[in-house]
Amino acid sequence: MVGIDRRLLENVDWALLGAAGALVLTSAVTLANLNVGRTGGAAVRQLVWFGVGLVALVVIASIDYRRLVRAAPALYLLGLAGLGAVFVLGRTVSGARRWIVWGPLSVQPSEIFKICFVLMAVWVITSRWAQPVGRTAVALTLPIVAVPALLIVKQPDLGTAVMLFPVLVILLVGAGMRLRLLGGLALAGVAAAPLAWLVLRDYQRERILVFLDPLRDPLGSAYNVIQAKIAIGSGQLLGKGVAGATQSRLAFLPERHTDFIFAVFAETWGFVGCLVLLVCYVLLLLRGFDIAASAREPVGRLVALGATSLLATQVLINVGMVTGLLPVVGIPLPLMSYGGSSMLASLMALGLLLSVRMRQFQ
């Protein structure tokens, strides 16, 4: 079941791996300059998790993606069990109960669950019960996204929960769902928005209000976004350099090593540096979409599309919230933000892409 022959190795997408490696190296350099924590070892820990993620990437890439899709129901149930275990075994940090601690390791099950969700969504969409892809497929897929979304919102982690829905929509469209039906779903979502507002917590409502009025509470709920904009703007064309990045190094910018690492990078290296960083992401995502487009059968196409859309959604939301174009929802920047679970999930998604790419000759 697990094994790599010469033909598989010949189809490895080195451009995809090269772009990912450049992003991880950039992350390590950025974290090393921040000197986060008591010993400033965030960069070392990030690289350790990168090593763990590489092992997961190789394992997933060596397994035929069709086997992974067939195992999706079991993996999905294990993922739900992990989300439920957070409420029993989880550790509370900053009012959120999202992490399970095993000795020196801290794992966020909602990050790993993203991979299980993509595989489960592909399993349902490609099943005979969902053919042709229409209202029946929507009815079958809504429960598999609603149940985990409710568990993740309860942690609370609204950003991760919301992110599952666009990924599912992209998969449905990629499978051939009519745009008329998609428009109906969009109208239903808009109609349900007032109900969603009622179930949001106070701090979540405040984030939306701050998005609409950035100067609403400059020393409180709007502080993060204001400081991020100052950091990005002060970087100008070529950046202030490591020594001159005062917003980042003097900790004026909160969560500078996790959710707002893009602002740190922008202050340090400026517009030109950000352009290079975004080019790396564009290259990685284009390779992912190309793998999906060149897949020979629907399962492979949807697995690659799901893995790529998962990464693309995170990049768009993170960069959007840091620059003030979207509300702050706490989504990490893939392969850049500090976090072992995020790094592991991102490399697992790349493993799915490689699994599809390496088997295109079959």
Foldseek 3Di string as FASTA:
>chain_A
DFDDDPLLVVLFDVLLVVLLVVLLVVQLVLQQLQLPDDRSCLSVVSVVLLVVLVVLLNRLLRDQVVVVLVCLVVLLVVLVVVLVCLVVQFDDDPNFRAWHDDPPDIAGSLLQNLLSLLSPLLSLCPDPQCPPPEPSSVVVSVVSLVVVLVSCCVSPFNPSSVLSVVLSVLLSVLSPYDVVRVVVVVVVVVVCVVVVLVPDDPLVVVLVVCLVPVVPPCVPSNVQLVLLQVLLVQLAAAADASVRSCSRNVVSHPLCQWLSVLSSQNRHGNPVSNVVSVVSLVSNLVLLQVLLVLFDDSSLNSLSSSLSSSLVSLQCVSVCCSNSNDGDRRRTNASNHRDSSSPSSNSSSVSSSSSSSSPRVD
